[in-house]
Amino acid sequence: MDIKGQFPVKRFSSLETPFYFYDTKVLDQTLETLTTEANKFHFRVHYALKANVNPRILSILCGYGIGADCVSGGEIRAAIKAGFSASKIVFAGVGKADWEINLGLDNNIFCFNVESIPELEVINELAAAKGKIASIALRINPNVRADTHHYITTGSEENKFGIALSDIDKVVDIAESLANIKLIGLHFHIGSQILEMNNFVDLCNRINEIQDKLAKRNLIVEHINVGGGLGIDYHDPNRQLIPDFAGYFKIFSDMIKLRDGQKLHFEPGRSVVAQCGSLITKVLYIKEGVKKTFAIVDAGMTDLIRPALYQAYHKIENCSSDEPAQKYDVVGPICESSDCFGEDVELNKTKRGDYLAIRSAGAYGEVMASQYNLRRLPLSYFSEDV
């Protein structure tokens, strides 16, 4: 795919479908825009590895000097292997195992984003055993609404993530009493695929309130981490291949009241990699139903689970046809009725052997693939190699 959304279909014939196709021009332009806009305000960026951990993608990301946001020991290892500096790695997650915490300590990562009092106490214990001081940020639930799917809303009061607003003072007291803990920051993340910018305004206002409250007890942390969450245009990816990073960062620059010397951190994932990736699949059969026409493809929910899991929309294009459009239900071969990429999808007239591109799949696509039904994992190819 080039920046106009054109796919090199003639070169797909030698590749076994389904596969992920990544356009490095789109990724590079996205990263150039992201880093340019962040640098205007001296903001610090940590890429959220959970969106995509393809080693080649990570290598490209690392080349732009950004940090890494990890939610498992495996992601920490992948980040370090790709070349990310441990001094720029943050580690979040409600269920950090002892070996994962020890991995972070052994590599002297920048910060643990701590989500509960028990976790705080375990990190202190493990750090003491190594004779180390663990730098931590407290993940606070700001109880701010995020206009997105309820599965990917993370900042409400009753949520498995983070520390309740009402518990801040108690947790701070405990953190300050632990000899092998250094409290360096506050961490927030209200959800993912957020397109309503006022959600971020509300987050900024809540952070300001929390900072004012902590200032009364003479506590000013060095770092404020606002997480990620910026969404992308799934319906018309060519209209906005690169998210509005300028507008996004300006909201935080205008609205957050940082104290002298405080650094502001971000953890984007989807907004960085989603639009550079597409799932390419081949049509196996056109099946005429009673009221519907099915385009049965060789990709399934094992390759891209978002439509089945979140009822998520992905634009689907027929790369092989320029005939007039017809409506199809695009479905896969998995033995589940939920294995459907889209209903009543308008595609140029489609036949067996045509290549379909399921767009905006660079985030939470390849990384969530499974081998259910004993299917092979999809391969990945890059624009410069095809």
Protein backbone atom coordinates (compact mmCIF):
# COMPACT_ATOMS: atom_id res chain seq x y z
CA MET A 1 0.00 0.00 0.00
CA ASP A 2 1.27 3.47 -0.79
CA ILE A 3 0.15 6.66 0.93
CA LYS A 4 -2.94 6.75 -1.34
CA GLY A 5 -4.03 3.29 -0.29
CA GLN A 6 -2.99 1.34 -3.41
CA PHE A 7 -1.90 -2.28 -3.00
CA PRO A 8 0.66 -4.13 -5.19
CA VAL A 9 -1.84 -6.89 -6.04
CA LYS A 10 0.18 -8.38 -8.88
CA ARG A 11 2.96 -9.16 -6.42
CA PHE A 12 0.62 -10.88 -3.96
CA SER A 13 0.24 -13.97 -6.15
CA SER A 14 3.48 -15.50 -4.87
CA LEU A 15 2.47 -15.05 -1.20
CA GLU A 16 0.38 -17.46 0.83
CA THR A 17 -2.73 -15.82 2.25
CA PRO A 18 -3.83 -14.63 4.70
CA PHE A 19 -0.96 -12.33 5.64
CA TYR A 20 -0.32 -8.96 7.21
CA PHE A 21 0.96 -6.28 4.88
CA TYR A 22 2.75 -3.30 6.41
CA ASP A 23 3.49 -0.08 4.54
CA THR A 24 6.64 1.41 6.01
CA LYS A 25 6.06 4.75 4.25
CA VAL A 26 2.85 5.20 6.23
CA LEU A 27 4.57 4.12 9.45
CA ASP A 28 7.51 6.47 8.90
CA GLN A 29 5.24 9.43 8.13
CA THR A 30 3.18 8.67 11.23
CA LEU A 31 6.28 8.51 13.42
CA GLU A 32 7.76 11.66 11.93
CA THR A 33 4.53 13.53 12.68
CA LEU A 34 4.21 12.02 16.17
CA THR A 35 7.75 12.85 17.25
CA THR A 36 7.75 16.31 15.65
CA GLU A 37 4.55 17.32 17.42
CA ALA A 38 5.59 15.80 20.75
CA ASN A 39 8.98 17.48 20.63
CA LYS A 40 7.35 20.90 20.24
CA PHE A 41 6.23 20.60 23.85
CA HIS A 42 9.12 18.44 25.11
CA PHE A 43 6.65 15.60 25.72
CA ARG A 44 8.00 12.07 26.19
CA VAL A 45 6.50 9.21 24.19
CA HIS A 46 6.47 5.50 25.08
CA TYR A 47 5.06 3.23 22.37
CA ALA A 48 2.51 0.73 23.76
CA LEU A 49 3.86 -2.63 22.64
CA LYS A 50 0.53 -4.37 23.15
CA ALA A 51 -0.64 -2.85 19.85
CA ASN A 52 1.95 -4.65 17.71
CA VAL A 53 5.17 -6.48 18.60
CA ASN A 54 6.31 -7.47 15.13
CA PRO A 55 10.13 -7.32 15.51
CA ARG A 56 10.57 -5.29 12.36
CA ILE A 57 7.91 -2.79 13.44
CA LEU A 58 9.64 -2.46 16.81
CA SER A 59 12.99 -1.88 15.12
CA ILE A 60 11.53 0.97 13.07
CA LEU A 61 9.87 2.51 16.11
CA CYS A 62 13.05 2.26 18.16
CA GLY A 63 14.89 4.20 15.47
CA TYR A 64 12.84 7.30 16.30
CA GLY A 65 14.22 7.45 19.84
CA ILE A 66 10.95 6.90 21.64
CA GLY A 67 10.42 4.76 24.72
CA ALA A 68 8.35 1.63 25.33
CA ASP A 69 5.21 0.95 27.36
CA CYS A 70 5.09 -2.73 28.36
CA VAL A 71 2.41 -4.79 30.09
CA SER A 72 4.26 -8.09 30.46
CA GLY A 73 7.72 -9.52 30.95
CA GLY A 74 7.59 -10.80 27.40
CA GLU A 75 7.05 -7.28 26.12
CA ILE A 76 9.96 -5.99 28.21
CA ARG A 77 12.19 -8.63 26.62
CA ALA A 78 10.91 -7.76 23.14
CA ALA A 79 11.53 -4.04 23.72
CA ILE A 80 15.07 -4.58 24.95
CA LYS A 81 15.82 -7.02 22.11
CA ALA A 82 14.57 -4.44 19.60
CA GLY A 83 16.95 -1.83 21.02
CA PHE A 84 14.69 0.29 23.24
CA SER A 85 16.61 1.83 26.11
CA ALA A 86 15.64 0.33 29.47
CA SER A 87 15.77 3.88 30.83
CA LYS A 88 12.71 4.63 28.65
CA ILE A 89 10.66 1.53 29.50
CA VAL A 90 7.55 1.80 31.67
CA PHE A 91 5.87 -1.36 32.96
CA ALA A 92 2.11 -1.40 33.63
CA GLY A 93 -0.44 -4.11 34.39
CA VAL A 94 -2.60 -5.22 37.29
CA GLY A 95 -1.06 -8.69 37.56
CA LYS A 96 2.71 -8.39 37.43
CA ALA A 97 4.26 -11.75 38.34
CA ASP A 98 7.36 -11.85 40.54
CA TRP A 99 9.59 -12.91 37.65
CA GLU A 100 8.32 -9.98 35.58
CA ILE A 101 9.03 -7.50 38.36
CA ASN A 102 12.48 -9.02 38.84
CA LEU A 103 13.09 -8.70 35.10
CA GLY A 104 12.28 -5.01 35.29
CA LEU A 105 14.51 -4.55 38.32
CA ASP A 106 17.40 -6.45 36.73
CA ASN A 107 17.22 -4.25 33.66
CA ASN A 108 16.84 -1.00 35.64
CA ILE A 109 13.72 0.06 33.74
CA PHE A 110 12.55 3.65 34.06
CA CYS A 111 9.34 3.06 36.00
CA PHE A 112 6.77 0.57 37.29
CA ASN A 113 3.20 1.86 36.94
CA VAL A 114 1.75 0.46 40.18
CA GLU A 115 -1.94 -0.43 40.37
CA SER A 116 -2.55 -1.60 43.96
CA ILE A 117 -1.16 -1.57 47.50
CA PRO A 118 -0.29 -5.30 47.42
CA GLU A 119 1.69 -4.78 44.22
CA LEU A 120 3.51 -1.84 45.80
CA GLU A 121 4.51 -4.01 48.76
CA VAL A 122 5.70 -6.90 46.55
CA ILE A 123 7.84 -4.59 44.40
CA ASN A 124 9.40 -3.17 47.56
CA GLU A 125 10.14 -6.68 48.86
CA LEU A 126 11.69 -7.86 45.59
CA ALA A 127 13.71 -4.66 45.20
CA ALA A 128 15.01 -5.02 48.79
CA ALA A 129 16.18 -8.56 48.02
CA LYS A 130 18.29 -7.15 45.19
CA GLY A 131 19.50 -4.12 47.11
CA LYS A 132 17.76 -1.82 44.62
CA ILE A 133 15.36 1.11 44.67
CA ALA A 134 12.37 0.71 42.35
CA SER A 135 11.04 3.86 40.71
CA ILE A 136 7.26 3.78 40.60
CA ALA A 137 4.31 5.82 39.41
CA LEU A 138 0.89 5.33 40.95
CA ARG A 139 -1.79 4.48 38.39
CA ILE A 140 -4.81 6.49 39.46
CA ASN A 141 -8.35 5.87 38.22
CA PRO A 142 -9.51 9.44 37.49
CA ASN A 143 -13.15 8.30 37.11
CA VAL A 144 -13.33 10.09 33.76
CA ARG A 145 -15.71 8.86 31.10
CA ALA A 146 -14.19 7.62 27.84
CA ASP A 147 -16.53 7.51 24.85
CA THR A 148 -15.45 4.14 23.48
CA HIS A 149 -16.30 0.42 23.65
CA HIS A 150 -16.87 -0.71 27.25
CA TYR A 151 -14.24 -3.45 26.89
CA ILE A 152 -11.53 -0.83 26.34
CA THR A 153 -12.64 1.70 28.94
CA THR A 154 -10.14 1.59 31.79
CA GLY A 155 -10.41 4.74 33.90
CA SER A 156 -13.76 4.40 35.65
CA GLU A 157 -14.08 4.15 39.42
CA GLU A 158 -15.03 0.46 39.50
CA ASN A 159 -12.41 -1.09 37.25
CA LYS A 160 -9.75 -3.74 37.75
CA PHE A 161 -7.12 -1.20 36.72
CA GLY A 162 -5.53 1.39 38.94
CA ILE A 163 -6.09 2.99 42.35
CA ALA A 164 -9.33 4.72 43.35
CA LEU A 165 -9.28 8.48 43.86
CA SER A 166 -10.42 8.00 47.46
CA ASP A 167 -7.34 5.87 48.22
CA ILE A 168 -4.65 8.24 46.96
CA ASP A 169 -3.55 9.58 50.33
CA LYS A 170 -3.39 6.11 51.88
CA VAL A 171 -1.35 4.72 48.99
CA VAL A 172 1.01 7.69 48.96
CA ASP A 173 1.59 7.24 52.70
CA ILE A 174 2.49 3.59 52.17
CA ALA A 175 4.73 4.33 49.17
CA GLU A 176 6.65 6.95 51.12
CA SER A 177 7.14 4.55 54.03
CA LEU A 178 8.75 1.79 51.94
CA ALA A 179 12.54 1.89 51.93
CA ASN A 180 13.03 0.38 48.46
CA ILE A 181 10.40 2.42 46.65
CA LYS A 182 10.86 5.82 45.05
CA LEU A 183 7.62 7.56 44.05
CA ILE A 184 8.42 9.52 40.90
CA GLY A 185 5.11 9.92 39.14
CA LEU A 186 1.39 9.59 38.59
CA HIS A 187 -0.03 7.48 35.77
CA PHE A 188 -3.44 7.64 34.10
CA HIS A 189 -5.12 5.83 31.21
CA ILE A 190 -8.84 6.24 30.57
CA GLY A 191 -9.31 3.95 27.57
CA SER A 192 -8.57 3.31 23.93
CA GLN A 193 -9.91 4.40 20.51
CA ILE A 194 -11.03 7.77 21.88
CA LEU A 195 -12.14 10.25 19.24
CA GLU A 196 -14.05 12.65 21.48
CA MET A 197 -11.32 15.12 22.44
CA ASN A 198 -13.33 16.48 25.37
CA ASN A 199 -12.57 13.18 27.13
CA PHE A 200 -8.94 14.29 27.27
CA VAL A 201 -9.97 17.75 28.48
CA ASP A 202 -11.83 16.07 31.34
CA LEU A 203 -8.75 13.98 32.12
CA CYS A 204 -6.57 17.10 32.26
CA ASN A 205 -8.99 18.81 34.62
CA ARG A 206 -9.02 15.79 36.93
CA ILE A 207 -5.22 15.58 36.93
CA ASN A 208 -5.05 19.25 37.86
CA GLU A 209 -7.41 18.58 40.80
CA ILE A 210 -5.28 15.65 41.99
CA GLN A 211 -2.08 17.66 41.68
CA ASP A 212 -3.61 20.49 43.70
CA LYS A 213 -4.64 18.03 46.40
CA LEU A 214 -1.18 16.46 46.61
CA ALA A 215 0.47 19.89 46.65
CA LYS A 216 -1.31 20.56 49.94
CA ARG A 217 0.75 17.77 51.45
CA ASN A 218 3.89 19.15 49.76
CA LEU A 219 4.08 16.33 47.23
CA ILE A 220 5.07 17.20 43.68
CA VAL A 221 6.10 14.22 41.57
CA GLU A 222 8.61 14.45 38.73
CA HIS A 223 6.53 12.76 36.07
CA ILE A 224 2.91 12.80 34.90
CA ASN A 225 1.93 9.99 32.52
CA VAL A 226 -1.43 10.40 30.76
CA GLY A 227 -1.39 7.03 28.98
CA GLY A 228 -2.64 6.73 25.43
CA GLY A 229 -6.09 6.39 23.93
CA LEU A 230 -6.10 8.54 20.79
CA GLY A 231 -8.27 6.84 18.18
CA ILE A 232 -8.01 6.46 14.42
CA ASP A 233 -10.38 6.63 11.44
CA TYR A 234 -11.46 3.05 10.78
CA HIS A 235 -14.27 4.02 8.40
CA ASP A 236 -12.19 5.98 5.89
CA PRO A 237 -8.50 5.35 6.58
CA ASN A 238 -7.33 7.12 3.42
CA ARG A 239 -9.01 10.33 4.59
CA GLN A 240 -6.77 10.50 7.66
CA LEU A 241 -3.96 7.97 7.58
CA ILE A 242 -2.10 9.97 10.21
CA PRO A 243 -4.01 10.92 13.39
CA ASP A 244 -4.25 14.51 14.57
CA PHE A 245 -1.27 14.39 16.90
CA ALA A 246 -0.94 18.19 16.75
CA GLY A 247 -4.45 18.74 18.11
CA TYR A 248 -4.08 15.92 20.63
CA PHE A 249 -0.86 17.22 22.16
CA LYS A 250 -2.10 20.82 22.13
CA ILE A 251 -5.01 19.86 24.39
CA PHE A 252 -2.58 18.62 27.03
CA SER A 253 -0.24 21.57 26.55
CA ASP A 254 -3.13 23.99 27.03
CA MET A 255 -5.03 22.19 29.77
CA ILE A 256 -2.58 20.46 32.10
CA LYS A 257 -0.99 22.65 34.76
CA LEU A 258 2.45 21.16 35.17
CA ARG A 259 4.65 22.17 38.08
CA ASP A 260 8.16 23.44 37.45
CA GLY A 261 10.37 20.67 36.13
CA GLN A 262 7.58 18.12 35.65
CA LYS A 263 7.75 15.93 32.54
CA LEU A 264 4.63 14.80 30.66
CA HIS A 265 4.57 11.27 29.23
CA PHE A 266 2.30 9.59 26.66
CA GLU A 267 1.74 5.93 25.74
CA PRO A 268 0.27 5.78 22.21
CA GLY A 269 -0.13 2.43 20.50
CA ARG A 270 -3.05 2.12 18.08
CA SER A 271 -2.59 5.64 16.73
CA VAL A 272 1.02 4.84 15.79
CA VAL A 273 0.70 1.52 13.95
CA ALA A 274 -2.94 0.85 13.03
CA GLN A 275 -3.06 2.54 9.65
CA CYS A 276 0.19 1.10 8.31
CA GLY A 277 -1.12 -2.48 8.44
CA SER A 278 -3.75 -4.43 6.48
CA LEU A 279 -4.81 -8.05 6.59
CA ILE A 280 -4.74 -9.46 3.05
CA THR A 281 -7.05 -12.40 2.40
CA LYS A 282 -8.17 -14.33 -0.65
CA VAL A 283 -11.77 -15.12 -1.57
CA LEU A 284 -12.44 -18.87 -1.48
CA TYR A 285 -16.10 -18.95 -2.45
CA ILE A 286 -19.06 -16.75 -3.28
CA LYS A 287 -22.09 -18.34 -1.65
CA GLU A 288 -25.62 -17.25 -2.49
CA GLY A 289 -27.88 -17.36 0.55
CA VAL A 290 -31.63 -16.80 0.77
CA LYS A 291 -31.32 -13.07 1.40
CA LYS A 292 -27.57 -12.55 1.52
CA THR A 293 -24.48 -13.16 -0.56
CA PHE A 294 -21.46 -14.42 1.33
CA ALA A 295 -17.85 -13.80 0.38
CA ILE A 296 -16.07 -16.63 2.17
CA VAL A 297 -12.38 -15.77 2.65
CA ASP A 298 -9.36 -17.67 3.91
CA ALA A 299 -8.74 -15.29 6.83
CA GLY A 300 -10.69 -15.76 10.01
CA MET A 301 -11.17 -14.45 13.50
CA THR A 302 -7.95 -16.28 14.38
CA ASP A 303 -6.09 -13.75 12.22
CA LEU A 304 -8.04 -10.62 13.20
CA ILE A 305 -10.28 -11.02 16.23
CA ARG A 306 -11.43 -7.41 16.69
CA PRO A 307 -14.69 -7.70 14.69
CA ALA A 308 -15.71 -10.84 16.60
CA LEU A 309 -14.56 -9.60 20.02
CA TYR A 310 -15.56 -5.92 19.91
CA GLN A 311 -17.96 -5.86 16.95
CA ALA A 312 -15.31 -3.54 15.56
CA TYR A 313 -15.59 -2.05 12.09
CA HIS A 314 -12.75 -2.39 9.59
CA LYS A 315 -13.02 -1.03 6.07
CA ILE A 316 -12.77 -3.88 3.54
CA GLU A 317 -11.66 -3.32 -0.05
CA ASN A 318 -11.49 -5.60 -3.07
CA CYS A 319 -8.01 -5.02 -4.45
CA SER A 320 -8.66 -7.12 -7.57
CA SER A 321 -11.87 -5.68 -9.01
CA ASP A 322 -13.07 -2.39 -10.43
CA GLU A 323 -16.55 -3.64 -11.33
CA PRO A 324 -19.69 -2.03 -9.84
CA ALA A 325 -20.21 -2.57 -6.12
CA GLN A 326 -22.41 -5.23 -4.59
CA LYS A 327 -23.17 -6.14 -0.99
CA TYR A 328 -21.59 -9.13 0.73
CA ASP A 329 -21.26 -10.59 4.18
CA VAL A 330 -17.52 -11.17 4.45
CA VAL A 331 -16.97 -14.28 6.55
CA GLY A 332 -14.11 -16.62 7.43
CA PRO A 333 -13.66 -20.39 7.70
CA ILE A 334 -13.64 -20.72 11.49
CA CYS A 335 -16.32 -22.92 13.06
CA GLU A 336 -17.94 -20.01 14.88
CA SER A 337 -20.87 -17.85 13.76
CA SER A 338 -19.00 -14.84 15.11
CA ASP A 339 -16.32 -15.36 12.44
CA CYS A 340 -17.54 -12.44 10.37
CA PHE A 341 -15.55 -9.41 9.25
CA GLY A 342 -18.54 -7.39 8.11
CA GLU A 343 -22.19 -7.60 7.10
CA ASP A 344 -23.63 -5.94 3.98
CA VAL A 345 -20.18 -4.75 2.97
CA GLU A 346 -20.11 -2.87 -0.33
CA LEU A 347 -17.36 -4.38 -2.47
CA ASN A 348 -16.58 -4.15 -6.13
CA LYS A 349 -18.13 -7.30 -7.66
CA THR A 350 -16.20 -10.13 -6.06
CA LYS A 351 -15.25 -13.59 -7.29
CA ARG A 352 -13.17 -16.55 -6.18
CA GLY A 353 -9.46 -15.68 -6.11
CA ASP A 354 -9.89 -11.95 -5.53
CA TYR A 355 -7.71 -10.30 -2.89
CA LEU A 356 -9.46 -8.36 -0.14
CA ALA A 357 -7.69 -5.90 2.13
CA ILE A 358 -9.02 -5.48 5.66
CA ARG A 359 -7.70 -2.06 6.52
CA SER A 360 -6.43 -0.39 9.72
CA ALA A 361 -5.26 -3.74 11.08
CA GLY A 362 -1.75 -2.75 12.14
CA ALA A 363 -2.87 -2.50 15.77
CA TYR A 364 -4.34 -5.43 17.69
CA GLY A 365 -4.28 -7.61 14.59
CA GLU A 366 -1.21 -9.78 14.23
CA VAL A 367 -0.44 -9.50 17.93
CA MET A 368 -3.81 -11.05 18.91
CA ALA A 369 -3.75 -13.86 16.36
CA SER A 370 -4.36 -17.40 17.60
CA GLN A 371 -4.13 -20.96 16.35
CA TYR A 372 -7.71 -21.94 17.16
CA ASN A 373 -8.88 -24.73 14.80
CA LEU A 374 -5.15 -25.53 14.49
CA ARG A 375 -4.68 -22.78 11.94
CA ARG A 376 -1.22 -21.42 11.23
CA LEU A 377 -0.41 -17.92 12.39
CA PRO A 378 -0.49 -15.32 9.61
CA LEU A 379 2.84 -14.27 8.12
CA SER A 380 3.84 -10.63 7.68
CA TYR A 381 5.33 -8.78 4.73
CA PHE A 382 6.58 -5.22 4.27
CA SER A 383 6.05 -2.85 1.37
CA GLU A 384 9.70 -2.64 0.42
CA ASP A 385 9.93 -6.43 0.13
CA VAL A 386 6.84 -7.12 -1.98
